[in-house]
Amino acid sequence: MNGAVNFQEIKQRFLQADVDGKIEIYTTTQGLTVEQFKELLQSFPLQHLDKLEKAMA
């Protein structure tokens, strides 16, 4: 499986997930580039950024 297809699957799951699911995907997914993480972050609800920051600490 190539990286682009894998990222598209991750991105689709991320878009469909609730906030806790998004945090789980964002904090446990390995092997993505900085650009891919930034792309996911663009779809994260800004009002919950503090929750994401705590999960990453």
Protein backbone atom coordinates (compact mmCIF):
# COMPACT_ATOMS: atom_id res chain seq x y z
CA MET A 1 0.00 0.00 0.00
CA ASN A 2 1.52 3.34 -0.92
CA GLY A 3 1.69 6.30 1.46
CA ALA A 4 -0.72 8.51 -0.46
CA VAL A 5 -3.51 5.93 -0.39
CA ASN A 6 -2.86 5.26 3.28
CA PHE A 7 -3.03 8.98 4.08
CA GLN A 8 -6.29 9.36 2.18
CA GLU A 9 -7.80 6.57 4.28
CA ILE A 10 -6.53 8.17 7.49
CA LYS A 11 -7.85 11.56 6.38
CA GLN A 12 -11.28 10.11 5.59
CA ARG A 13 -11.47 8.43 9.01
CA PHE A 14 -10.32 11.70 10.62
CA LEU A 15 -13.01 13.72 8.85
CA GLN A 16 -15.74 11.31 9.96
CA ALA A 17 -14.58 10.99 13.57
CA ASP A 18 -15.89 12.92 16.54
CA VAL A 19 -13.47 15.16 18.49
CA ASP A 20 -12.16 12.31 20.65
CA GLY A 21 -11.71 10.14 17.58
CA LYS A 22 -9.83 12.92 15.80
CA ILE A 23 -7.53 13.29 18.81
CA GLU A 24 -6.94 9.53 18.89
CA ILE A 25 -6.06 9.44 15.19
CA TYR A 26 -3.87 12.55 15.39
CA THR A 27 -1.89 11.37 18.42
CA THR A 28 -1.45 7.71 17.49
CA THR A 29 -0.82 7.80 13.75
CA GLN A 30 2.84 7.41 12.84
CA GLY A 31 4.72 7.93 9.63
CA LEU A 32 2.92 11.00 8.34
CA THR A 33 4.82 14.02 7.08
CA VAL A 34 4.57 17.41 8.73
CA GLU A 35 2.45 18.54 5.78
CA GLN A 36 0.04 15.63 6.26
CA PHE A 37 -0.32 16.40 9.98
CA LYS A 38 -0.99 20.05 9.08
CA GLU A 39 -3.64 18.94 6.61
CA LEU A 40 -5.40 16.94 9.31
CA LEU A 41 -5.14 19.85 11.71
CA GLN A 42 -6.97 22.08 9.23
CA SER A 43 -10.04 19.87 9.76
CA PHE A 44 -9.80 19.92 13.54
CA PRO A 45 -12.40 22.05 15.38
CA LEU A 46 -10.46 25.03 16.72
CA GLN A 47 -12.53 25.29 19.88
CA HIS A 48 -11.07 21.93 20.98
CA LEU A 49 -7.39 22.67 20.34
CA ASP A 50 -6.72 22.80 24.07
CA LYS A 51 -7.97 19.21 24.37
CA LEU A 52 -5.62 18.14 21.57
CA GLU A 53 -2.69 19.94 23.20
CA LYS A 54 -3.33 18.14 26.50
CA ALA A 55 -3.48 14.78 24.72
CA MET A 56 -0.15 15.45 23.05
CA ALA A 57 1.61 16.45 26.30
